Amino acid sequence: MRVARFLLSFILAALLLVPSDAQQSSPPAAQSTQRDAQALNILGQALNSAGGSARLSAIQDFTGMGSITYNWAREAVPGTVTLYGKGLTQFRMDASVSSGARSLIVNGQAGSLISPNSPKTKLPVYSVMTAGSLTFPAARIANVLSDSSISVRFLGLVTWNDSEAYQVHVAPPLDPALSLSATLSGLGEFDLYIDPTSYQVLGFAEKVWWGNDLRQSYLHEIQFANYTSTAGLSVPFLITEKFGGQQTWFITLSSLTFNSGLSDALFKP
């Protein structure tokens, strides 16, 4: 039973298993490219707050090390974690807790999960659409600003997780081959929540689907805090996952380095 809980909680590093009707759902998918001027202005200020496009364009990869604490059955389970990222679509999370080591690997639209005493699990494409930039929000913003095919809309000043935030909805173009079902409305879309004073990214929320029942979507939230200056960039050193308003895990980074020449083989699902 404990092994099953470990597996489920690690899946939540990329997925959120709370019914979408329990929290605010993402807006419906955009029908055509829309580049809202106010949304672009907010994202531009957020990019500047993170260090600016010149510094971000020089980042090829990152490696973060720190601690992770899972919340499993109301029990805090501590461990260590190493995060790897390359570009926008490659991400790896290696965690070690008392039961053993586990890895989440995402490469583009392919992903896998490796856990102790379990076979490698292939993750479905509709569960990992945005997991490539799970812990490095500036990469998302830089990509949105540089790609004119991505729709962005300003949805106003809202309250999100007890903080005031600008809400910006992002809808990348979807490969028609991935439109597996009409029920996958909003696949690949997400909402960014940005502090109206500092323009730091407070977090993001997205819909994901899991398992064989594509009729039900789930809301996945990641929160960012404790922004720290590293190599001229302002990056979050505290990353928290929540669903249903409940925390599932949080990561506290102790170090973050850039451009160490990570190999593509590290991200092979």
C-alpha atoms as a PDB file:
ATOM      1  CA  MET A   1       0.000   0.000   0.000  1.00  0.00           C
ATOM      2  CA  ARG A   2       2.833   2.388   0.830  1.00  0.00           C
ATOM      3  CA  VAL A   3       4.457   1.659  -2.559  1.00  0.00           C
ATOM      4  CA  ALA A   4       1.190   2.577  -4.266  1.00  0.00           C
ATOM      5  CA  ARG A   5       1.055   5.870  -2.362  1.00  0.00           C
ATOM      6  CA  PHE A   6       4.652   6.652  -3.363  1.00  0.00           C
ATOM      7  CA  LEU A   7       3.840   6.001  -7.025  1.00  0.00           C
ATOM      8  CA  LEU A   8       0.696   8.115  -6.962  1.00  0.00           C
ATOM      9  CA  SER A   9       2.367  11.064  -5.280  1.00  0.00           C
ATOM     10  CA  PHE A  10       5.245  11.096  -7.741  1.00  0.00           C
ATOM     11  CA  ILE A  11       2.806  11.076 -10.629  1.00  0.00           C
ATOM     12  CA  LEU A  12       1.466  14.274  -9.130  1.00  0.00           C
ATOM     13  CA  ALA A  13       4.773  15.965  -9.879  1.00  0.00           C
ATOM     14  CA  ALA A  14       3.402  16.317 -13.389  1.00  0.00           C
ATOM     15  CA  LEU A  15      -0.287  15.559 -12.908  1.00  0.00           C
ATOM     16  CA  LEU A  16      -3.039  16.698 -10.625  1.00  0.00           C
ATOM     17  CA  LEU A  17      -5.802  14.318  -9.703  1.00  0.00           C
ATOM     18  CA  VAL A  18      -8.475  16.665  -8.359  1.00  0.00           C
ATOM     19  CA  PRO A  19     -11.742  16.950 -10.288  1.00  0.00           C
ATOM     20  CA  SER A  20     -11.959  20.184 -12.239  1.00  0.00           C
ATOM     21  CA  ASP A  21     -15.307  21.068 -10.685  1.00  0.00           C
ATOM     22  CA  ALA A  22     -13.594  21.328  -7.304  1.00  0.00           C
ATOM     23  CA  GLN A  23     -11.738  24.467  -8.395  1.00  0.00           C
ATOM     24  CA  GLN A  24     -11.914  27.077 -11.123  1.00  0.00           C
ATOM     25  CA  SER A  25     -11.511  25.511 -14.558  1.00  0.00           C
ATOM     26  CA  SER A  26      -9.380  26.960 -17.313  1.00  0.00           C
ATOM     27  CA  PRO A  27     -11.235  28.993 -19.951  1.00  0.00           C
ATOM     28  CA  PRO A  28     -12.271  27.192 -23.138  1.00  0.00           C
ATOM     29  CA  ALA A  29      -9.734  26.698 -25.900  1.00  0.00           C
ATOM     30  CA  ALA A  30      -9.055  29.661 -28.128  1.00  0.00           C
ATOM     31  CA  GLN A  31     -10.480  29.324 -31.641  1.00  0.00           C
ATOM     32  CA  SER A  32      -7.865  31.516 -33.330  1.00  0.00           C
ATOM     33  CA  THR A  33      -4.613  33.209 -32.385  1.00  0.00           C
ATOM     34  CA  GLN A  34      -5.281  36.178 -30.112  1.00  0.00           C
ATOM     35  CA  ARG A  35      -2.412  38.305 -28.775  1.00  0.00           C
ATOM     36  CA  ASP A  36      -3.938  40.547 -26.131  1.00  0.00           C
ATOM     37  CA  ALA A  37      -1.813  43.715 -25.812  1.00  0.00           C
ATOM     38  CA  GLN A  38      -2.347  43.985 -22.053  1.00  0.00           C
ATOM     39  CA  ALA A  39      -1.428  40.342 -21.546  1.00  0.00           C
ATOM     40  CA  LEU A  40       1.745  40.781 -23.604  1.00  0.00           C
ATOM     41  CA  ASN A  41       2.690  43.862 -21.585  1.00  0.00           C
ATOM     42  CA  ILE A  42       2.296  41.974 -18.297  1.00  0.00           C
ATOM     43  CA  LEU A  43       4.330  39.044 -19.592  1.00  0.00           C
ATOM     44  CA  GLY A  44       7.019  41.416 -20.837  1.00  0.00           C
ATOM     45  CA  GLN A  45       7.329  42.977 -17.390  1.00  0.00           C
ATOM     46  CA  ALA A  46       7.421  39.504 -15.837  1.00  0.00           C
ATOM     47  CA  LEU A  47      10.267  38.560 -18.190  1.00  0.00           C
ATOM     48  CA  ASN A  48      12.175  41.699 -17.212  1.00  0.00           C
ATOM     49  CA  SER A  49      11.588  40.879 -13.542  1.00  0.00           C
ATOM     50  CA  ALA A  50      13.119  37.444 -14.121  1.00  0.00           C
ATOM     51  CA  GLY A  51      16.280  38.926 -15.643  1.00  0.00           C
ATOM     52  CA  GLY A  52      15.400  39.898 -19.192  1.00  0.00           C
ATOM     53  CA  SER A  53      15.350  38.171 -22.551  1.00  0.00           C
ATOM     54  CA  ALA A  54      19.103  38.476 -23.168  1.00  0.00           C
ATOM     55  CA  ARG A  55      20.058  36.527 -20.038  1.00  0.00           C
ATOM     56  CA  LEU A  56      17.294  33.979 -20.528  1.00  0.00           C
ATOM     57  CA  SER A  57      18.236  33.356 -24.172  1.00  0.00           C
ATOM     58  CA  ALA A  58      21.717  32.359 -22.996  1.00  0.00           C
ATOM     59  CA  ILE A  59      20.335  29.581 -20.773  1.00  0.00           C
ATOM     60  CA  GLN A  60      20.669  26.166 -22.405  1.00  0.00           C
ATOM     61  CA  ASP A  61      20.031  23.966 -19.371  1.00  0.00           C
ATOM     62  CA  PHE A  62      19.741  24.030 -15.583  1.00  0.00           C
ATOM     63  CA  THR A  63      20.410  21.739 -12.637  1.00  0.00           C
ATOM     64  CA  GLY A  64      18.783  22.304  -9.257  1.00  0.00           C
ATOM     65  CA  MET A  65      19.454  20.448  -6.012  1.00  0.00           C
ATOM     66  CA  GLY A  66      17.572  20.539  -2.740  1.00  0.00           C
ATOM     67  CA  SER A  67      15.032  18.818  -0.528  1.00  0.00           C
ATOM     68  CA  ILE A  68      11.521  17.561  -1.183  1.00  0.00           C
ATOM     69  CA  THR A  69       8.734  16.806   1.261  1.00  0.00           C
ATOM     70  CA  TYR A  70       5.752  14.768   0.149  1.00  0.00           C
ATOM     71  CA  ASN A  71       2.404  14.846   1.885  1.00  0.00           C
ATOM     72  CA  TRP A  72       1.233  11.233   1.793  1.00  0.00           C
ATOM     73  CA  ALA A  73      -1.855  10.289   3.791  1.00  0.00           C
ATOM     74  CA  ARG A  74      -1.270  13.374   5.956  1.00  0.00           C
ATOM     75  CA  GLU A  75       2.239  12.188   6.706  1.00  0.00           C
ATOM     76  CA  ALA A  76       5.259  14.330   5.811  1.00  0.00           C
ATOM     77  CA  VAL A  77       7.808  12.205   3.939  1.00  0.00           C
ATOM     78  CA  PRO A  78      11.130  14.040   3.437  1.00  0.00           C
ATOM     79  CA  GLY A  79      13.791  13.321   0.850  1.00  0.00           C
ATOM     80  CA  THR A  80      16.312  14.839  -1.519  1.00  0.00           C
ATOM     81  CA  VAL A  81      15.689  15.941  -5.088  1.00  0.00           C
ATOM     82  CA  THR A  82      17.621  16.912  -8.205  1.00  0.00           C
ATOM     83  CA  LEU A  83      15.936  18.787 -11.044  1.00  0.00           C
ATOM     84  CA  TYR A  84      17.222  18.930 -14.600  1.00  0.00           C
ATOM     85  CA  GLY A  85      15.908  21.026 -17.464  1.00  0.00           C
ATOM     86  CA  LYS A  86      16.988  21.629 -21.039  1.00  0.00           C
ATOM     87  CA  GLY A  87      15.216  24.009 -23.346  1.00  0.00           C
ATOM     88  CA  LEU A  88      11.488  24.308 -22.840  1.00  0.00           C
ATOM     89  CA  THR A  89      10.395  20.708 -23.327  1.00  0.00           C
ATOM     90  CA  GLN A  90      12.962  18.540 -21.518  1.00  0.00           C
ATOM     91  CA  PHE A  91      12.637  18.022 -17.790  1.00  0.00           C
ATOM     92  CA  ARG A  92      13.749  15.429 -15.249  1.00  0.00           C
ATOM     93  CA  MET A  93      13.038  15.137 -11.533  1.00  0.00           C
ATOM     94  CA  ASP A  94      14.990  12.569  -9.481  1.00  0.00           C
ATOM     95  CA  ALA A  95      13.838  12.163  -5.892  1.00  0.00           C
ATOM     96  CA  SER A  96      15.082   9.902  -3.140  1.00  0.00           C
ATOM     97  CA  VAL A  97      13.022   9.057  -0.050  1.00  0.00           C
ATOM     98  CA  SER A  98      13.150   6.242   2.483  1.00  0.00           C
ATOM     99  CA  SER A  99      11.440   3.774   0.121  1.00  0.00           C
ATOM    100  CA  GLY A 100      13.960   4.346  -2.667  1.00  0.00           C
ATOM    101  CA  ALA A 101      14.606   6.487  -5.722  1.00  0.00           C
ATOM    102  CA  ARG A 102      12.057   7.608  -8.302  1.00  0.00           C
ATOM    103  CA  SER A 103      12.309   9.617 -11.512  1.00  0.00           C
ATOM    104  CA  LEU A 104       9.942  11.637 -13.644  1.00  0.00           C
ATOM    105  CA  ILE A 105      11.248  12.193 -17.189  1.00  0.00           C
ATOM    106  CA  VAL A 106       9.610  14.412 -19.804  1.00  0.00           C
ATOM    107  CA  ASN A 107      10.872  14.948 -23.342  1.00  0.00           C
ATOM    108  CA  GLY A 108       8.534  16.898 -25.569  1.00  0.00           C
ATOM    109  CA  GLN A 109       5.233  15.054 -25.628  1.00  0.00           C
ATOM    110  CA  ALA A 110       6.666  11.832 -24.207  1.00  0.00           C
ATOM    111  CA  GLY A 111       7.069  11.076 -20.530  1.00  0.00           C
ATOM    112  CA  SER A 112       7.782   8.224 -18.159  1.00  0.00           C
ATOM    113  CA  LEU A 113       7.770   7.480 -14.464  1.00  0.00           C
ATOM    114  CA  ILE A 114      10.273   5.184 -12.754  1.00  0.00           C
ATOM    115  CA  SER A 115       9.542   3.977  -9.211  1.00  0.00           C
ATOM    116  CA  PRO A 116      10.972   1.310  -6.893  1.00  0.00           C
ATOM    117  CA  ASN A 117       9.613  -2.198  -7.383  1.00  0.00           C
ATOM    118  CA  SER A 118       7.504  -1.096 -10.340  1.00  0.00           C
ATOM    119  CA  PRO A 119       7.977  -1.238 -14.111  1.00  0.00           C
ATOM    120  CA  LYS A 120       8.622   1.991 -15.969  1.00  0.00           C
ATOM    121  CA  THR A 121       5.291   3.698 -16.611  1.00  0.00           C
ATOM    122  CA  LYS A 122       4.682   5.532 -19.871  1.00  0.00           C
ATOM    123  CA  LEU A 123       2.772   8.772 -19.321  1.00  0.00           C
ATOM    124  CA  PRO A 124       0.079   9.718 -21.848  1.00  0.00           C
ATOM    125  CA  VAL A 125       0.641  12.813 -23.989  1.00  0.00           C
ATOM    126  CA  TYR A 126      -2.448  14.545 -22.573  1.00  0.00           C
ATOM    127  CA  SER A 127      -0.834  14.438 -19.126  1.00  0.00           C
ATOM    128  CA  VAL A 128       2.563  16.015 -19.887  1.00  0.00           C
ATOM    129  CA  MET A 129       1.790  18.814 -22.358  1.00  0.00           C
ATOM    130  CA  THR A 130       3.404  21.545 -20.216  1.00  0.00           C
ATOM    131  CA  ALA A 131       5.550  19.548 -17.793  1.00  0.00           C
ATOM    132  CA  GLY A 132       8.773  20.459 -19.586  1.00  0.00           C
ATOM    133  CA  SER A 133       8.975  23.772 -17.720  1.00  0.00           C
ATOM    134  CA  LEU A 134       7.522  22.594 -14.432  1.00  0.00           C
ATOM    135  CA  THR A 135       9.950  24.482 -12.175  1.00  0.00           C
ATOM    136  CA  PHE A 136      11.376  27.283 -14.374  1.00  0.00           C
ATOM    137  CA  PRO A 137       8.498  29.710 -15.097  1.00  0.00           C
ATOM    138  CA  ALA A 138      10.645  32.281 -16.949  1.00  0.00           C
ATOM    139  CA  ALA A 139      11.116  29.742 -19.749  1.00  0.00           C
ATOM    140  CA  ARG A 140       7.355  29.624 -20.282  1.00  0.00           C
ATOM    141  CA  ILE A 141       7.120  33.394 -20.544  1.00  0.00           C
ATOM    142  CA  ALA A 142      10.062  33.725 -22.928  1.00  0.00           C
ATOM    143  CA  ASN A 143       8.512  31.108 -25.193  1.00  0.00           C
ATOM    144  CA  VAL A 144       5.095  32.773 -25.194  1.00  0.00           C
ATOM    145  CA  LEU A 145       6.550  36.177 -26.064  1.00  0.00           C
ATOM    146  CA  SER A 146       8.728  34.836 -28.874  1.00  0.00           C
ATOM    147  CA  ASP A 147       6.105  32.620 -30.544  1.00  0.00           C
ATOM    148  CA  SER A 148       3.387  34.639 -32.290  1.00  0.00           C
ATOM    149  CA  SER A 149       1.275  31.515 -32.861  1.00  0.00           C
ATOM    150  CA  ILE A 150       0.517  31.281 -29.127  1.00  0.00           C
ATOM    151  CA  SER A 151      -2.689  32.975 -28.000  1.00  0.00           C
ATOM    152  CA  VAL A 152      -2.601  35.017 -24.788  1.00  0.00           C
ATOM    153  CA  ARG A 153      -5.487  36.754 -23.018  1.00  0.00           C
ATOM    154  CA  PHE A 154      -5.580  38.976 -19.947  1.00  0.00           C
ATOM    155  CA  LEU A 155      -8.355  37.753 -17.646  1.00  0.00           C
ATOM    156  CA  GLY A 156      -8.086  40.461 -14.993  1.00  0.00           C
ATOM    157  CA  LEU A 157      -6.881  40.976 -11.446  1.00  0.00           C
ATOM    158  CA  VAL A 158      -7.966  37.959  -9.385  1.00  0.00           C
ATOM    159  CA  THR A 159      -7.360  36.335  -6.021  1.00  0.00           C
ATOM    160  CA  TRP A 160      -5.345  33.148  -6.382  1.00  0.00           C
ATOM    161  CA  ASN A 161      -4.243  31.127  -3.343  1.00  0.00           C
ATOM    162  CA  ASP A 162      -4.887  34.135  -1.068  1.00  0.00           C
ATOM    163  CA  SER A 163      -2.779  36.499  -3.193  1.00  0.00           C
ATOM    164  CA  GLU A 164      -3.781  39.169  -5.697  1.00  0.00           C
ATOM    165  CA  ALA A 165      -2.539  38.299  -9.147  1.00  0.00           C
ATOM    166  CA  TYR A 166      -2.888  39.141 -12.803  1.00  0.00           C
ATOM    167  CA  GLN A 167      -4.335  36.128 -14.593  1.00  0.00           C
ATOM    168  CA  VAL A 168      -3.083  35.516 -18.124  1.00  0.00           C
ATOM    169  CA  HIS A 169      -4.469  32.614 -20.136  1.00  0.00           C
ATOM    170  CA  VAL A 170      -2.071  30.952 -22.582  1.00  0.00           C
ATOM    171  CA  ALA A 171      -3.239  28.730 -25.450  1.00  0.00           C
ATOM    172  CA  PRO A 172      -0.497  27.275 -27.681  1.00  0.00           C
ATOM    173  CA  PRO A 173      -1.528  25.920 -31.090  1.00  0.00           C
ATOM    174  CA  LEU A 174      -2.422  22.261 -30.860  1.00  0.00           C
ATOM    175  CA  ASP A 175      -1.254  19.627 -33.291  1.00  0.00           C
ATOM    176  CA  PRO A 176      -4.500  18.293 -34.873  1.00  0.00           C
ATOM    177  CA  ALA A 177      -3.159  14.778 -34.397  1.00  0.00           C
ATOM    178  CA  LEU A 178      -3.441  15.274 -30.636  1.00  0.00           C
ATOM    179  CA  SER A 179      -7.121  16.185 -30.732  1.00  0.00           C
ATOM    180  CA  LEU A 180      -8.014  12.710 -29.576  1.00  0.00           C
ATOM    181  CA  SER A 181     -11.457  13.626 -28.327  1.00  0.00           C
ATOM    182  CA  ALA A 182     -13.811  16.586 -28.137  1.00  0.00           C
ATOM    183  CA  THR A 183     -13.644  16.175 -24.359  1.00  0.00           C
ATOM    184  CA  LEU A 184      -9.992  17.330 -24.358  1.00  0.00           C
ATOM    185  CA  SER A 185     -10.969  20.978 -24.576  1.00  0.00           C
ATOM    186  CA  GLY A 186      -8.102  23.150 -23.383  1.00  0.00           C
ATOM    187  CA  LEU A 187      -5.399  20.544 -23.891  1.00  0.00           C
ATOM    188  CA  GLY A 188      -1.992  22.212 -23.532  1.00  0.00           C
ATOM    189  CA  GLU A 189      -3.436  25.495 -22.227  1.00  0.00           C
ATOM    190  CA  PHE A 190      -2.569  27.028 -18.872  1.00  0.00           C
ATOM    191  CA  ASP A 191      -3.112  30.119 -16.726  1.00  0.00           C
ATOM    192  CA  LEU A 192      -0.226  32.176 -15.376  1.00  0.00           C
ATOM    193  CA  TYR A 193      -0.679  34.130 -12.143  1.00  0.00           C
ATOM    194  CA  ILE A 194       1.638  37.138 -11.827  1.00  0.00           C
ATOM    195  CA  ASP A 195       2.181  39.464  -8.876  1.00  0.00           C
ATOM    196  CA  PRO A 196       0.864  42.930  -9.862  1.00  0.00           C
ATOM    197  CA  THR A 197       3.689  44.725  -8.011  1.00  0.00           C
ATOM    198  CA  SER A 198       6.846  42.663  -8.465  1.00  0.00           C
ATOM    199  CA  TYR A 199       5.701  40.911 -11.660  1.00  0.00           C
ATOM    200  CA  GLN A 200       7.091  37.647 -10.334  1.00  0.00           C
ATOM    201  CA  VAL A 201       5.213  34.541 -11.439  1.00  0.00           C
ATOM    202  CA  LEU A 202       3.254  33.275  -8.439  1.00  0.00           C
ATOM    203  CA  GLY A 203       2.283  30.064 -10.199  1.00  0.00           C
ATOM    204  CA  PHE A 204       0.316  28.401 -12.939  1.00  0.00           C
ATOM    205  CA  ALA A 205      -2.701  26.151 -13.312  1.00  0.00           C
ATOM    206  CA  GLU A 206      -3.652  23.741 -16.064  1.00  0.00           C
ATOM    207  CA  LYS A 207      -6.071  20.963 -16.903  1.00  0.00           C
ATOM    208  CA  VAL A 208      -4.749  17.435 -17.387  1.00  0.00           C
ATOM    209  CA  TRP A 209      -6.296  14.071 -18.130  1.00  0.00           C
ATOM    210  CA  TRP A 210      -5.264  10.774 -16.583  1.00  0.00           C
ATOM    211  CA  GLY A 211      -6.043   7.126 -17.085  1.00  0.00           C
ATOM    212  CA  ASN A 212      -8.404   5.745 -19.686  1.00  0.00           C
ATOM    213  CA  ASP A 213     -11.384   7.981 -18.895  1.00  0.00           C
ATOM    214  CA  LEU A 214     -10.929  11.100 -21.000  1.00  0.00           C
ATOM    215  CA  ARG A 215     -14.299  12.477 -19.942  1.00  0.00           C
ATOM    216  CA  GLN A 216     -12.848  13.832 -16.698  1.00  0.00           C
ATOM    217  CA  SER A 217     -10.205  16.570 -16.479  1.00  0.00           C
ATOM    218  CA  TYR A 218      -8.189  17.460 -13.408  1.00  0.00           C
ATOM    219  CA  LEU A 219      -6.660  20.715 -12.207  1.00  0.00           C
ATOM    220  CA  HIS A 220      -2.905  20.890 -11.640  1.00  0.00           C
ATOM    221  CA  GLU A 221      -1.383  23.823  -9.751  1.00  0.00           C
ATOM    222  CA  ILE A 222       2.227  24.794  -9.124  1.00  0.00           C
ATOM    223  CA  GLN A 223       3.169  27.720  -6.862  1.00  0.00           C
ATOM    224  CA  PHE A 224       6.486  29.602  -6.912  1.00  0.00           C
ATOM    225  CA  ALA A 225       8.047  31.567  -4.035  1.00  0.00           C
ATOM    226  CA  ASN A 226      11.341  32.565  -2.403  1.00  0.00           C
ATOM    227  CA  TYR A 227      12.729  34.124  -5.574  1.00  0.00           C
ATOM    228  CA  THR A 228      16.524  34.207  -5.436  1.00  0.00           C
ATOM    229  CA  SER A 229      19.058  35.955  -7.654  1.00  0.00           C
ATOM    230  CA  THR A 230      21.213  33.384  -9.445  1.00  0.00           C
ATOM    231  CA  ALA A 231      23.548  34.190 -12.353  1.00  0.00           C
ATOM    232  CA  GLY A 232      21.677  37.436 -12.918  1.00  0.00           C
ATOM    233  CA  LEU A 233      18.290  35.694 -13.014  1.00  0.00           C
ATOM    234  CA  SER A 234      15.511  35.786 -10.430  1.00  0.00           C
ATOM    235  CA  VAL A 235      14.309  32.199  -9.972  1.00  0.00           C
ATOM    236  CA  PRO A 236      11.996  30.498  -7.443  1.00  0.00           C
ATOM    237  CA  PHE A 237      13.731  28.359  -4.826  1.00  0.00           C
ATOM    238  CA  LEU A 238      10.448  27.183  -3.288  1.00  0.00           C
ATOM    239  CA  ILE A 239       8.116  25.186  -5.526  1.00  0.00           C
ATOM    240  CA  THR A 240       4.856  23.773  -4.219  1.00  0.00           C
ATOM    241  CA  GLU A 241       2.314  21.469  -5.810  1.00  0.00           C
ATOM    242  CA  LYS A 242      -1.316  21.546  -4.703  1.00  0.00           C
ATOM    243  CA  PHE A 243      -4.547  19.955  -5.622  1.00  0.00           C
ATOM    244  CA  GLY A 244      -7.982  20.487  -4.277  1.00  0.00           C
ATOM    245  CA  GLY A 245      -6.417  23.241  -2.189  1.00  0.00           C
ATOM    246  CA  GLN A 246      -4.228  20.651  -0.470  1.00  0.00           C
ATOM    247  CA  GLN A 247      -0.475  20.501  -0.708  1.00  0.00           C
ATOM    248  CA  THR A 248       0.972  17.313  -2.188  1.00  0.00           C
ATOM    249  CA  TRP A 249       4.676  18.189  -2.100  1.00  0.00           C
ATOM    250  CA  PHE A 250       7.066  21.086  -1.870  1.00  0.00           C
ATOM    251  CA  ILE A 251      10.656  21.508  -3.008  1.00  0.00           C
ATOM    252  CA  THR A 252      13.217  23.792  -1.393  1.00  0.00           C
ATOM    253  CA  LEU A 253      16.244  24.314  -3.608  1.00  0.00           C
ATOM    254  CA  SER A 254      19.687  24.808  -2.113  1.00  0.00           C
ATOM    255  CA  SER A 255      21.471  25.456  -5.416  1.00  0.00           C
ATOM    256  CA  LEU A 256      20.746  26.114  -9.066  1.00  0.00           C
ATOM    257  CA  THR A 257      23.347  26.105 -11.837  1.00  0.00           C
ATOM    258  CA  PHE A 258      23.084  26.801 -15.543  1.00  0.00           C
ATOM    259  CA  ASN A 259      24.695  25.595 -18.762  1.00  0.00           C
ATOM    260  CA  SER A 260      26.495  22.530 -17.490  1.00  0.00           C
ATOM    261  CA  GLY A 261      26.106  20.800 -20.864  1.00  0.00           C
ATOM    262  CA  LEU A 262      23.375  18.284 -20.014  1.00  0.00           C
ATOM    263  CA  SER A 263      23.083  15.456 -22.516  1.00  0.00           C
ATOM    264  CA  ASP A 264      19.843  14.665 -24.345  1.00  0.00           C
ATOM    265  CA  ALA A 265      20.300  11.081 -23.139  1.00  0.00           C
ATOM    266  CA  LEU A 266      19.443  12.245 -19.615  1.00  0.00           C
ATOM    267  CA  PHE A 267      15.942  13.027 -20.815  1.00  0.00           C
ATOM    268  CA  LYS A 268      15.256   9.839 -22.727  1.00  0.00           C
ATOM    269  CA  PRO A 269      11.829   8.605 -21.578  1.00  0.00           C
END
